[in-house]
Amino acid sequence: MKQTASPETIDAFVETLRRDGVTDPRVLDVMARTPRENFVEPHFAARAYDNLPLPIACAQTISQPSVVGLMTQELDLTTRSKVLEVGAGSGYQTAILAGLSRRVYALERHRTLADQATSRLRALGIENVILTHGDGSDGWPMHAPFDRIMVAAAAEDPPRALLDQLRVGGIMILPVGDEGDEQQLIKVTRTEDGFNYDELIPVRFVPLLDGSV
């Protein structure tokens, strides 16, 4: 799977991300190189580089690119980062994380989406991802602790299980709030003494649900 968008389309895409606050050159570079058209439904491929969320299977969405970029930027990833992703969805955000970190452990509660995302990542030759079908609200204790955690579904509060799996000095990014109400993107930093919380931007995500389907 190779990127089919024109250089002009990619340049415009990157400029839109910059205007919306994505300024980290590493994040911009990996988003420019990741073919978003491969992660959307075929009939939406022509809109893959619009700054819009788009429907995917299982009544879910692929997030707006600028939100993907801002969430990734706030994680402050390094090539040594061990990352947990809760809610892999189409695999697009997973691919972005993989391009900036050492290893990504990704969970997706919908088996159909997990299988599709795995196939897409494999086709792109992305090998530093372990993606499985499962309940992300419990995290992945077997591989904890994590340097970074990204949650792509909204909880009423940061789940205790995920907080416990964050390494001291680590960062978690997640939306907080009820479905249908305004949600806030939150940055959680674990310290020796507890957790610091910073509000980032208003967002809208599907709810974080228990169980898998």
N, C-alpha and C. Protein backbone atom coordinates (compact mmCIF):
# COMPACT_ATOMS: atom_id res chain seq x y z
N MET A 1 0.84 -1.19 0.00
CA MET A 1 0.00 0.00 0.00
C MET A 1 0.88 1.24 0.00
N LYS A 2 0.76 2.04 -1.04
CA LYS A 2 1.55 3.24 -1.16
C LYS A 2 0.65 4.47 -1.22
N GLN A 3 1.21 5.59 -0.81
CA GLN A 3 0.46 6.83 -0.85
C GLN A 3 0.15 7.22 -2.30
N THR A 4 -1.11 7.52 -2.57
CA THR A 4 -1.51 7.89 -3.93
C THR A 4 -1.82 9.38 -4.06
N ALA A 5 -1.82 10.09 -2.95
CA ALA A 5 -2.12 11.53 -2.99
C ALA A 5 -0.97 12.28 -3.66
N SER A 6 -1.30 13.37 -4.33
CA SER A 6 -0.29 14.18 -5.01
C SER A 6 0.53 14.96 -4.00
N PRO A 7 1.75 15.38 -4.39
CA PRO A 7 2.55 16.23 -3.49
C PRO A 7 1.82 17.50 -3.09
N GLU A 8 1.04 18.06 -4.01
CA GLU A 8 0.29 19.28 -3.69
C GLU A 8 -0.75 19.02 -2.60
N THR A 9 -1.41 17.86 -2.68
CA THR A 9 -2.40 17.51 -1.66
C THR A 9 -1.74 17.34 -0.30
N ILE A 10 -0.59 16.69 -0.27
CA ILE A 10 0.13 16.48 0.99
C ILE A 10 0.63 17.80 1.55
N ASP A 11 1.12 18.67 0.70
CA ASP A 11 1.58 19.99 1.17
C ASP A 11 0.43 20.77 1.81
N ALA A 12 -0.74 20.74 1.16
CA ALA A 12 -1.90 21.44 1.70
C ALA A 12 -2.35 20.81 3.02
N PHE A 13 -2.28 19.50 3.09
CA PHE A 13 -2.62 18.75 4.31
C PHE A 13 -1.73 19.19 5.46
N VAL A 14 -0.43 19.24 5.22
CA VAL A 14 0.52 19.63 6.27
C VAL A 14 0.29 21.08 6.69
N GLU A 15 0.01 21.95 5.73
CA GLU A 15 -0.24 23.35 6.06
C GLU A 15 -1.48 23.50 6.93
N THR A 16 -2.51 22.71 6.65
CA THR A 16 -3.71 22.73 7.48
C THR A 16 -3.40 22.28 8.90
N LEU A 17 -2.59 21.24 9.03
CA LEU A 17 -2.20 20.76 10.36
C LEU A 17 -1.45 21.86 11.11
N ARG A 18 -0.53 22.54 10.43
CA ARG A 18 0.21 23.63 11.07
C ARG A 18 -0.73 24.73 11.57
N ARG A 19 -1.67 25.11 10.73
CA ARG A 19 -2.60 26.19 11.10
C ARG A 19 -3.42 25.81 12.33
N ASP A 20 -3.66 24.50 12.50
CA ASP A 20 -4.46 24.04 13.64
C ASP A 20 -3.60 23.71 14.86
N GLY A 21 -2.32 24.04 14.82
CA GLY A 21 -1.48 23.92 16.01
C GLY A 21 -0.53 22.75 16.05
N VAL A 22 -0.49 21.93 15.00
CA VAL A 22 0.46 20.82 14.97
C VAL A 22 1.77 21.37 14.42
N THR A 23 2.73 21.60 15.29
CA THR A 23 3.96 22.28 14.91
C THR A 23 5.21 21.40 15.04
N ASP A 24 5.10 20.27 15.72
CA ASP A 24 6.26 19.39 15.89
C ASP A 24 6.64 18.82 14.52
N PRO A 25 7.86 19.11 14.04
CA PRO A 25 8.24 18.64 12.71
C PRO A 25 8.24 17.13 12.58
N ARG A 26 8.51 16.41 13.65
CA ARG A 26 8.49 14.94 13.59
C ARG A 26 7.09 14.43 13.34
N VAL A 27 6.10 15.04 14.02
CA VAL A 27 4.71 14.63 13.84
C VAL A 27 4.23 14.98 12.44
N LEU A 28 4.56 16.17 11.97
CA LEU A 28 4.17 16.57 10.62
C LEU A 28 4.78 15.64 9.58
N ASP A 29 6.02 15.27 9.78
CA ASP A 29 6.70 14.40 8.81
C ASP A 29 6.03 13.03 8.73
N VAL A 30 5.76 12.42 9.88
CA VAL A 30 5.18 11.07 9.84
C VAL A 30 3.75 11.12 9.32
N MET A 31 3.02 12.20 9.59
CA MET A 31 1.66 12.30 9.06
C MET A 31 1.68 12.54 7.55
N ALA A 32 2.68 13.26 7.07
CA ALA A 32 2.81 13.46 5.62
C ALA A 32 3.15 12.17 4.90
N ARG A 33 3.84 11.27 5.58
CA ARG A 33 4.30 10.02 4.94
C ARG A 33 3.33 8.86 5.10
N THR A 34 2.32 9.02 5.96
CA THR A 34 1.38 7.92 6.22
C THR A 34 0.15 8.07 5.33
N PRO A 35 -0.13 7.11 4.48
CA PRO A 35 -1.23 7.24 3.51
C PRO A 35 -2.60 7.06 4.16
N ARG A 36 -3.21 8.18 4.56
CA ARG A 36 -4.50 8.12 5.25
C ARG A 36 -5.58 7.47 4.38
N GLU A 37 -5.43 7.58 3.05
CA GLU A 37 -6.44 6.99 2.18
C GLU A 37 -6.53 5.47 2.35
N ASN A 38 -5.47 4.86 2.88
CA ASN A 38 -5.48 3.41 3.09
C ASN A 38 -6.24 3.01 4.36
N PHE A 39 -6.62 3.99 5.16
CA PHE A 39 -7.26 3.70 6.44
C PHE A 39 -8.72 4.13 6.48
N VAL A 40 -9.26 4.60 5.36
CA VAL A 40 -10.67 4.99 5.29
C VAL A 40 -11.40 4.04 4.36
N GLU A 41 -12.72 4.08 4.42
CA GLU A 41 -13.51 3.26 3.51
C GLU A 41 -13.27 3.74 2.07
N PRO A 42 -13.24 2.83 1.09
CA PRO A 42 -12.88 3.21 -0.29
C PRO A 42 -13.68 4.38 -0.84
N HIS A 43 -14.97 4.48 -0.51
CA HIS A 43 -15.78 5.56 -1.07
C HIS A 43 -15.49 6.91 -0.41
N PHE A 44 -14.65 6.92 0.63
CA PHE A 44 -14.23 8.18 1.25
C PHE A 44 -12.77 8.52 0.91
N ALA A 45 -12.14 7.72 0.07
CA ALA A 45 -10.71 7.92 -0.22
C ALA A 45 -10.42 9.31 -0.76
N ALA A 46 -11.33 9.87 -1.57
CA ALA A 46 -11.10 11.20 -2.15
C ALA A 46 -11.09 12.29 -1.09
N ARG A 47 -11.62 11.99 0.11
CA ARG A 47 -11.67 12.98 1.18
C ARG A 47 -10.67 12.67 2.29
N ALA A 48 -9.76 11.76 2.04
CA ALA A 48 -8.85 11.29 3.09
C ALA A 48 -8.00 12.40 3.67
N TYR A 49 -7.66 13.42 2.87
CA TYR A 49 -6.79 14.49 3.36
C TYR A 49 -7.55 15.77 3.70
N ASP A 50 -8.88 15.68 3.75
CA ASP A 50 -9.67 16.75 4.32
C ASP A 50 -9.52 16.67 5.84
N ASN A 51 -9.58 17.81 6.50
CA ASN A 51 -9.41 17.81 7.95
C ASN A 51 -10.75 17.50 8.62
N LEU A 52 -11.19 16.24 8.43
CA LEU A 52 -12.50 15.80 8.90
C LEU A 52 -12.41 14.40 9.49
N PRO A 53 -13.21 14.12 10.52
CA PRO A 53 -13.40 12.71 10.90
C PRO A 53 -14.26 12.04 9.83
N LEU A 54 -14.02 10.76 9.61
CA LEU A 54 -14.79 10.04 8.60
C LEU A 54 -15.31 8.72 9.18
N PRO A 55 -16.48 8.26 8.72
CA PRO A 55 -17.01 6.99 9.22
C PRO A 55 -16.14 5.81 8.78
N ILE A 56 -16.01 4.84 9.68
CA ILE A 56 -15.38 3.56 9.35
C ILE A 56 -16.35 2.46 9.79
N ALA A 57 -15.93 1.23 9.69
CA ALA A 57 -16.80 0.10 10.04
C ALA A 57 -17.20 0.14 11.51
N CYS A 58 -18.21 -0.63 11.84
CA CYS A 58 -18.67 -0.81 13.23
C CYS A 58 -19.18 0.48 13.86
N ALA A 59 -19.70 1.39 13.03
CA ALA A 59 -20.26 2.66 13.51
C ALA A 59 -19.24 3.50 14.28
N GLN A 60 -17.99 3.38 13.90
CA GLN A 60 -16.92 4.15 14.51
C GLN A 60 -16.43 5.21 13.52
N THR A 61 -15.41 5.99 13.92
CA THR A 61 -14.86 7.02 13.04
C THR A 61 -13.34 6.99 13.09
N ILE A 62 -12.74 7.48 12.00
CA ILE A 62 -11.32 7.80 11.99
C ILE A 62 -11.23 9.27 12.36
N SER A 63 -10.41 9.60 13.34
CA SER A 63 -10.41 10.95 13.90
C SER A 63 -9.94 12.01 12.92
N GLN A 64 -10.38 13.24 13.16
CA GLN A 64 -9.94 14.39 12.39
C GLN A 64 -8.41 14.47 12.44
N PRO A 65 -7.73 14.64 11.30
CA PRO A 65 -6.27 14.64 11.28
C PRO A 65 -5.63 15.62 12.25
N SER A 66 -6.19 16.83 12.38
CA SER A 66 -5.58 17.80 13.29
C SER A 66 -5.65 17.33 14.73
N VAL A 67 -6.72 16.61 15.10
CA VAL A 67 -6.83 16.07 16.45
C VAL A 67 -5.81 14.95 16.65
N VAL A 68 -5.65 14.09 15.63
CA VAL A 68 -4.61 13.06 15.68
C VAL A 68 -3.25 13.71 15.90
N GLY A 69 -2.97 14.76 15.15
CA GLY A 69 -1.68 15.43 15.26
C GLY A 69 -1.47 16.06 16.61
N LEU A 70 -2.48 16.74 17.13
CA LEU A 70 -2.35 17.39 18.44
C LEU A 70 -2.19 16.38 19.56
N MET A 71 -2.96 15.29 19.52
CA MET A 71 -2.82 14.25 20.55
C MET A 71 -1.43 13.63 20.50
N THR A 72 -0.95 13.37 19.31
CA THR A 72 0.38 12.78 19.15
C THR A 72 1.46 13.74 19.64
N GLN A 73 1.31 15.00 19.28
CA GLN A 73 2.28 16.02 19.69
C GLN A 73 2.37 16.13 21.21
N GLU A 74 1.22 16.09 21.87
CA GLU A 74 1.19 16.24 23.32
C GLU A 74 1.79 15.03 24.04
N LEU A 75 1.85 13.89 23.37
CA LEU A 75 2.48 12.72 23.98
C LEU A 75 3.99 12.88 24.12
N ASP A 76 4.59 13.75 23.31
CA ASP A 76 6.03 13.99 23.37
C ASP A 76 6.81 12.67 23.26
N LEU A 77 6.55 11.96 22.18
CA LEU A 77 7.16 10.64 21.98
C LEU A 77 8.65 10.75 21.65
N THR A 78 9.37 9.70 22.02
CA THR A 78 10.76 9.55 21.60
C THR A 78 10.91 8.17 20.98
N THR A 79 12.04 7.93 20.36
CA THR A 79 12.28 6.63 19.73
C THR A 79 12.45 5.52 20.77
N ARG A 80 12.47 5.86 22.05
CA ARG A 80 12.56 4.87 23.12
C ARG A 80 11.20 4.60 23.78
N SER A 81 10.17 5.32 23.36
CA SER A 81 8.87 5.24 24.04
C SER A 81 8.17 3.90 23.80
N LYS A 82 7.64 3.37 24.89
CA LYS A 82 6.77 2.18 24.85
C LYS A 82 5.34 2.68 25.07
N VAL A 83 4.47 2.48 24.08
CA VAL A 83 3.18 3.15 24.04
C VAL A 83 2.03 2.15 24.10
N LEU A 84 1.01 2.49 24.87
CA LEU A 84 -0.26 1.76 24.85
C LEU A 84 -1.28 2.63 24.13
N GLU A 85 -1.95 2.06 23.13
CA GLU A 85 -3.05 2.74 22.46
C GLU A 85 -4.35 2.00 22.75
N VAL A 86 -5.32 2.70 23.28
CA VAL A 86 -6.63 2.14 23.57
C VAL A 86 -7.60 2.67 22.52
N GLY A 87 -8.10 1.77 21.68
CA GLY A 87 -9.01 2.15 20.60
C GLY A 87 -8.27 2.36 19.30
N ALA A 88 -7.75 1.28 18.73
CA ALA A 88 -6.94 1.39 17.50
C ALA A 88 -7.77 1.79 16.30
N GLY A 89 -9.07 1.46 16.30
CA GLY A 89 -9.92 1.85 15.19
C GLY A 89 -9.41 1.34 13.86
N SER A 90 -9.26 2.26 12.90
CA SER A 90 -8.81 1.89 11.56
C SER A 90 -7.33 1.54 11.51
N GLY A 91 -6.57 1.93 12.55
CA GLY A 91 -5.12 1.71 12.56
C GLY A 91 -4.32 2.93 12.15
N TYR A 92 -5.01 4.02 11.78
CA TYR A 92 -4.29 5.22 11.32
C TYR A 92 -3.46 5.84 12.44
N GLN A 93 -4.11 6.09 13.58
CA GLN A 93 -3.35 6.64 14.70
C GLN A 93 -2.24 5.70 15.13
N THR A 94 -2.50 4.40 15.07
CA THR A 94 -1.49 3.41 15.42
C THR A 94 -0.25 3.57 14.54
N ALA A 95 -0.47 3.75 13.25
CA ALA A 95 0.64 3.93 12.32
C ALA A 95 1.44 5.18 12.64
N ILE A 96 0.76 6.27 13.02
CA ILE A 96 1.44 7.51 13.39
C ILE A 96 2.30 7.28 14.63
N LEU A 97 1.73 6.64 15.64
CA LEU A 97 2.47 6.36 16.87
C LEU A 97 3.68 5.47 16.59
N ALA A 98 3.49 4.48 15.73
CA ALA A 98 4.58 3.54 15.43
C ALA A 98 5.76 4.24 14.77
N GLY A 99 5.47 5.29 13.99
CA GLY A 99 6.54 6.00 13.31
C GLY A 99 7.38 6.87 14.22
N LEU A 100 6.94 7.04 15.47
CA LEU A 100 7.62 7.95 16.39
C LEU A 100 8.10 7.30 17.67
N SER A 101 7.84 6.01 17.84
CA SER A 101 8.16 5.36 19.11
C SER A 101 8.84 4.01 18.89
N ARG A 102 9.25 3.41 20.00
CA ARG A 102 9.94 2.11 19.90
C ARG A 102 8.96 0.97 19.65
N ARG A 103 7.87 0.95 20.42
CA ARG A 103 6.88 -0.12 20.25
C ARG A 103 5.52 0.37 20.68
N VAL A 104 4.49 -0.08 19.96
CA VAL A 104 3.11 0.28 20.26
C VAL A 104 2.32 -0.99 20.57
N TYR A 105 1.65 -0.99 21.70
CA TYR A 105 0.72 -2.06 22.07
C TYR A 105 -0.68 -1.48 21.91
N ALA A 106 -1.43 -1.98 20.94
CA ALA A 106 -2.71 -1.39 20.58
C ALA A 106 -3.85 -2.37 20.85
N LEU A 107 -4.94 -1.85 21.40
CA LEU A 107 -6.12 -2.65 21.71
C LEU A 107 -7.32 -2.09 20.95
N GLU A 108 -8.15 -2.98 20.43
CA GLU A 108 -9.37 -2.57 19.73
C GLU A 108 -10.49 -3.53 20.11
N ARG A 109 -11.62 -3.00 20.60
CA ARG A 109 -12.70 -3.84 21.11
C ARG A 109 -13.54 -4.47 20.01
N HIS A 110 -13.51 -3.94 18.79
CA HIS A 110 -14.25 -4.51 17.67
C HIS A 110 -13.33 -5.43 16.87
N ARG A 111 -13.68 -6.71 16.82
CA ARG A 111 -12.81 -7.67 16.12
C ARG A 111 -12.62 -7.30 14.64
N THR A 112 -13.70 -6.85 13.99
CA THR A 112 -13.59 -6.48 12.57
C THR A 112 -12.55 -5.38 12.38
N LEU A 113 -12.60 -4.35 13.21
CA LEU A 113 -11.64 -3.26 13.10
C LEU A 113 -10.23 -3.73 13.43
N ALA A 114 -10.09 -4.56 14.45
CA ALA A 114 -8.77 -5.06 14.82
C ALA A 114 -8.14 -5.84 13.66
N ASP A 115 -8.93 -6.68 13.01
CA ASP A 115 -8.41 -7.46 11.88
C ASP A 115 -8.05 -6.56 10.71
N GLN A 116 -8.89 -5.56 10.41
CA GLN A 116 -8.60 -4.65 9.31
C GLN A 116 -7.34 -3.83 9.59
N ALA A 117 -7.24 -3.31 10.81
CA ALA A 117 -6.07 -2.50 11.16
C ALA A 117 -4.79 -3.31 11.08
N THR A 118 -4.85 -4.55 11.55
CA THR A 118 -3.66 -5.42 11.49
C THR A 118 -3.23 -5.62 10.05
N SER A 119 -4.18 -5.86 9.16
CA SER A 119 -3.85 -6.07 7.74
C SER A 119 -3.24 -4.81 7.13
N ARG A 120 -3.79 -3.65 7.44
CA ARG A 120 -3.27 -2.41 6.88
C ARG A 120 -1.86 -2.12 7.35
N LEU A 121 -1.62 -2.32 8.64
CA LEU A 121 -0.28 -2.06 9.17
C LEU A 121 0.73 -3.03 8.58
N ARG A 122 0.32 -4.28 8.43
CA ARG A 122 1.22 -5.27 7.84
C ARG A 122 1.54 -4.91 6.39
N ALA A 123 0.54 -4.46 5.65
CA ALA A 123 0.76 -4.09 4.25
C ALA A 123 1.71 -2.90 4.11
N LEU A 124 1.74 -2.04 5.12
CA LEU A 124 2.66 -0.90 5.10
C LEU A 124 4.04 -1.25 5.64
N GLY A 125 4.23 -2.49 6.07
CA GLY A 125 5.53 -2.91 6.58
C GLY A 125 5.84 -2.38 7.96
N ILE A 126 4.81 -2.03 8.72
CA ILE A 126 5.00 -1.52 10.09
C ILE A 126 5.10 -2.72 11.03
N GLU A 127 6.26 -2.89 11.65
CA GLU A 127 6.53 -4.10 12.40
C GLU A 127 6.66 -3.90 13.91
N ASN A 128 6.63 -2.65 14.37
CA ASN A 128 6.81 -2.40 15.81
C ASN A 128 5.49 -2.18 16.53
N VAL A 129 4.43 -2.87 16.06
CA VAL A 129 3.11 -2.79 16.66
C VAL A 129 2.64 -4.19 17.03
N ILE A 130 2.11 -4.31 18.24
CA ILE A 130 1.39 -5.52 18.65
C ILE A 130 -0.05 -5.09 18.86
N LEU A 131 -0.94 -5.53 17.98
CA LEU A 131 -2.34 -5.11 18.02
C LEU A 131 -3.22 -6.33 18.25
N THR A 132 -4.14 -6.18 19.18
CA THR A 132 -5.01 -7.32 19.48
C THR A 132 -6.44 -6.86 19.72
N HIS A 133 -7.35 -7.80 19.60
CA HIS A 133 -8.77 -7.57 19.87
C HIS A 133 -9.00 -7.76 21.36
N GLY A 134 -9.49 -6.72 22.03
CA GLY A 134 -9.72 -6.85 23.46
C GLY A 134 -10.28 -5.59 24.08
N ASP A 135 -10.54 -5.68 25.38
CA ASP A 135 -11.14 -4.60 26.16
C ASP A 135 -10.07 -3.61 26.59
N GLY A 136 -10.06 -2.44 25.96
CA GLY A 136 -9.03 -1.46 26.25
C GLY A 136 -9.19 -0.76 27.58
N SER A 137 -10.40 -0.77 28.16
CA SER A 137 -10.61 -0.06 29.42
C SER A 137 -9.78 -0.66 30.56
N ASP A 138 -9.36 -1.91 30.40
CA ASP A 138 -8.50 -2.56 31.39
C ASP A 138 -7.02 -2.38 31.09
N GLY A 139 -6.71 -1.72 29.98
CA GLY A 139 -5.31 -1.59 29.59
C GLY A 139 -4.74 -2.93 29.19
N TRP A 140 -3.42 -3.07 29.36
CA TRP A 140 -2.75 -4.33 29.01
C TRP A 140 -1.70 -4.61 30.07
N PRO A 141 -2.15 -5.09 31.25
CA PRO A 141 -1.24 -5.26 32.38
C PRO A 141 0.00 -6.09 32.09
N MET A 142 -0.14 -7.06 31.20
CA MET A 142 0.98 -7.94 30.88
C MET A 142 2.20 -7.17 30.39
N HIS A 143 1.96 -6.06 29.69
CA HIS A 143 3.07 -5.30 29.10
C HIS A 143 3.35 -4.00 29.82
N ALA A 144 2.62 -3.72 30.89
CA ALA A 144 2.84 -2.49 31.65
C ALA A 144 4.17 -2.58 32.43
N PRO A 145 4.74 -1.43 32.81
CA PRO A 145 4.23 -0.07 32.66
C PRO A 145 4.57 0.51 31.28
N PHE A 146 3.83 1.55 30.91
CA PHE A 146 4.01 2.22 29.63
C PHE A 146 4.54 3.63 29.83
N ASP A 147 5.39 4.05 28.88
CA ASP A 147 5.89 5.42 28.91
C ASP A 147 4.81 6.41 28.48
N ARG A 148 3.97 5.98 27.57
CA ARG A 148 2.91 6.83 27.04
C ARG A 148 1.65 5.99 26.84
N ILE A 149 0.49 6.61 27.07
CA ILE A 149 -0.79 5.97 26.81
C ILE A 149 -1.67 6.95 26.04
N MET A 150 -2.26 6.49 24.95
CA MET A 150 -3.23 7.29 24.21
C MET A 150 -4.56 6.56 24.18
N VAL A 151 -5.62 7.27 24.53
CA VAL A 151 -6.97 6.69 24.57
C VAL A 151 -7.83 7.43 23.56
N ALA A 152 -8.41 6.69 22.62
CA ALA A 152 -9.20 7.29 21.55
C ALA A 152 -10.69 7.09 21.77
N ALA A 153 -11.12 7.14 23.03
CA ALA A 153 -12.53 7.05 23.38
C ALA A 153 -12.70 7.76 24.71
N ALA A 154 -13.87 8.36 24.92
CA ALA A 154 -14.06 9.24 26.07
C ALA A 154 -14.58 8.49 27.29
N ALA A 155 -13.92 8.76 28.43
CA ALA A 155 -14.36 8.24 29.72
C ALA A 155 -14.85 9.40 30.58
N GLU A 156 -15.65 9.09 31.60
CA GLU A 156 -16.09 10.14 32.52
C GLU A 156 -14.91 10.68 33.31
N ASP A 157 -13.99 9.79 33.65
CA ASP A 157 -12.76 10.14 34.35
C ASP A 157 -11.66 9.23 33.82
N PRO A 158 -10.39 9.63 33.95
CA PRO A 158 -9.31 8.74 33.53
C PRO A 158 -9.41 7.41 34.27
N PRO A 159 -9.50 6.28 33.55
CA PRO A 159 -9.67 4.98 34.20
C PRO A 159 -8.49 4.64 35.12
N ARG A 160 -8.83 4.15 36.31
CA ARG A 160 -7.81 3.82 37.29
C ARG A 160 -6.83 2.79 36.76
N ALA A 161 -7.35 1.80 36.01
CA ALA A 161 -6.47 0.76 35.49
C ALA A 161 -5.40 1.33 34.57
N LEU A 162 -5.76 2.34 33.78
CA LEU A 162 -4.80 2.95 32.87
C LEU A 162 -3.81 3.83 33.63
N LEU A 163 -4.30 4.57 34.61
CA LEU A 163 -3.40 5.38 35.44
C LEU A 163 -2.34 4.49 36.10
N ASP A 164 -2.77 3.34 36.59
CA ASP A 164 -1.86 2.44 37.28
C ASP A 164 -0.80 1.87 36.34
N GLN A 165 -1.11 1.81 35.04
CA GLN A 165 -0.16 1.24 34.08
C GLN A 165 0.77 2.28 33.44
N LEU A 166 0.67 3.52 33.89
CA LEU A 166 1.52 4.59 33.38
C LEU A 166 2.77 4.70 34.25
N ARG A 167 3.91 4.68 33.61
CA ARG A 167 5.18 4.79 34.31
C ARG A 167 5.33 6.18 34.94
N VAL A 168 6.04 6.28 36.05
CA VAL A 168 6.36 7.58 36.63
C VAL A 168 7.15 8.39 35.59
N GLY A 169 6.71 9.62 35.36
CA GLY A 169 7.29 10.43 34.29
C GLY A 169 6.56 10.28 32.98
N GLY A 170 5.61 9.34 32.92
CA GLY A 170 4.88 9.07 31.69
C GLY A 170 3.72 10.02 31.47
N ILE A 171 3.19 9.98 30.25
CA ILE A 171 2.11 10.88 29.82
C ILE A 171 0.97 10.06 29.24
N MET A 172 -0.25 10.42 29.62
CA MET A 172 -1.44 9.83 29.00
C MET A 172 -2.29 10.95 28.43
N ILE A 173 -2.78 10.75 27.20
CA ILE A 173 -3.68 11.68 26.54
C ILE A 173 -5.02 10.97 26.35
N LEU A 174 -6.11 11.62 26.78
CA LEU A 174 -7.42 11.00 26.60
C LEU A 174 -8.51 12.06 26.65
N PRO A 175 -9.63 11.81 25.95
CA PRO A 175 -10.81 12.68 26.08
C PRO A 175 -11.61 12.28 27.31
N VAL A 176 -12.15 13.29 28.00
CA VAL A 176 -12.94 13.06 29.20
C VAL A 176 -14.27 13.78 29.05
N GLY A 177 -15.36 13.08 29.35
CA GLY A 177 -16.68 13.69 29.27
C GLY A 177 -17.70 12.70 28.76
N ASP A 178 -18.97 13.06 28.87
CA ASP A 178 -20.05 12.18 28.43
C ASP A 178 -20.30 12.31 26.94
N GLU A 179 -20.77 11.22 26.33
CA GLU A 179 -21.15 11.27 24.92
C GLU A 179 -22.30 12.26 24.73
N GLY A 180 -22.19 13.10 23.72
CA GLY A 180 -23.22 14.08 23.45
C GLY A 180 -22.97 15.42 24.11
N ASP A 181 -22.17 15.43 25.18
CA ASP A 181 -21.78 16.67 25.83
C ASP A 181 -20.39 17.08 25.35
N GLU A 182 -20.00 18.31 25.66
CA GLU A 182 -18.64 18.72 25.31
C GLU A 182 -17.64 17.93 26.12
N GLN A 183 -16.67 17.39 25.43
CA GLN A 183 -15.60 16.64 26.08
C GLN A 183 -14.32 17.47 26.04
N GLN A 184 -13.42 17.20 26.96
CA GLN A 184 -12.12 17.86 26.99
C GLN A 184 -11.01 16.85 26.79
N LEU A 185 -10.05 17.22 25.95
CA LEU A 185 -8.85 16.41 25.82
C LEU A 185 -7.95 16.73 27.01
N ILE A 186 -7.55 15.69 27.73
CA ILE A 186 -6.79 15.85 28.97
C ILE A 186 -5.40 15.25 28.80
N LYS A 187 -4.42 15.94 29.36
CA LYS A 187 -3.05 15.42 29.43
C LYS A 187 -2.76 15.08 30.89
N VAL A 188 -2.46 13.81 31.14
CA VAL A 188 -2.15 13.34 32.49
C VAL A 188 -0.66 13.01 32.55
N THR A 189 0.03 13.60 33.50
CA THR A 189 1.46 13.30 33.69
C THR A 189 1.63 12.67 35.06
N ARG A 190 2.25 11.50 35.10
CA ARG A 190 2.47 10.83 36.38
C ARG A 190 3.77 11.33 37.01
N THR A 191 3.69 11.72 38.28
CA THR A 191 4.86 12.16 39.02
C THR A 191 5.12 11.19 40.17
N GLU A 192 6.19 11.43 40.90
CA GLU A 192 6.48 10.60 42.07
C GLU A 192 5.38 10.72 43.12
N ASP A 193 4.68 11.86 43.10
CA ASP A 193 3.68 12.13 44.14
C ASP A 193 2.24 11.89 43.70
N GLY A 194 2.02 11.60 42.41
CA GLY A 194 0.66 11.42 41.94
C GLY A 194 0.50 11.75 40.48
N PHE A 195 -0.54 12.51 40.14
CA PHE A 195 -0.83 12.81 38.74
C PHE A 195 -1.15 14.29 38.58
N ASN A 196 -0.61 14.87 37.52
CA ASN A 196 -0.97 16.24 37.14
C ASN A 196 -1.91 16.18 35.94
N TYR A 197 -2.92 17.05 35.92
CA TYR A 197 -3.92 17.05 34.86
C TYR A 197 -3.95 18.42 34.19
N ASP A 198 -3.88 18.41 32.85
CA ASP A 198 -3.98 19.65 32.08
C ASP A 198 -5.05 19.49 31.02
N GLU A 199 -5.95 20.47 30.91
CA GLU A 199 -6.95 20.48 29.85
C GLU A 199 -6.33 21.07 28.59
N LEU A 200 -6.61 20.44 27.43
CA LEU A 200 -6.02 20.87 26.17
C LEU A 200 -7.04 21.54 25.27
N ILE A 201 -7.92 20.79 24.63
CA ILE A 201 -8.88 21.35 23.69
C ILE A 201 -10.21 20.61 23.82
N PRO A 202 -11.32 21.24 23.44
CA PRO A 202 -12.60 20.51 23.38
C PRO A 202 -12.59 19.54 22.20
N VAL A 203 -13.15 18.37 22.40
CA VAL A 203 -13.17 17.32 21.37
C VAL A 203 -14.49 16.57 21.45
N ARG A 204 -14.69 15.65 20.52
CA ARG A 204 -15.84 14.74 20.57
C ARG A 204 -15.39 13.36 20.11
N PHE A 205 -15.51 12.40 21.02
CA PHE A 205 -15.11 11.02 20.74
C PHE A 205 -16.26 10.08 21.11
N VAL A 206 -16.21 8.86 20.56
CA VAL A 206 -17.13 7.82 20.98
C VAL A 206 -16.80 7.45 22.42
N PRO A 207 -17.74 6.88 23.16
CA PRO A 207 -17.49 6.55 24.57
C PRO A 207 -16.57 5.34 24.74
N LEU A 208 -15.82 5.34 25.83
CA LEU A 208 -15.00 4.20 26.19
C LEU A 208 -15.92 3.17 26.87
N LEU A 209 -16.05 2.00 26.25
CA LEU A 209 -16.97 0.98 26.72
C LEU A 209 -16.22 -0.24 27.22
N ASP A 210 -16.79 -0.90 28.22
CA ASP A 210 -16.23 -2.16 28.70
C ASP A 210 -16.53 -3.29 27.71
N GLY A 211 -15.69 -4.30 27.75
CA GLY A 211 -15.94 -5.49 26.96
C GLY A 211 -15.45 -5.37 25.53
N SER A 212 -15.61 -6.44 24.77
CA SER A 212 -15.20 -6.47 23.37
C SER A 212 -16.30 -7.14 22.56
N VAL A 213 -16.32 -6.84 21.25
CA VAL A 213 -17.38 -7.37 20.38
C VAL A 213 -16.78 -7.88 19.08
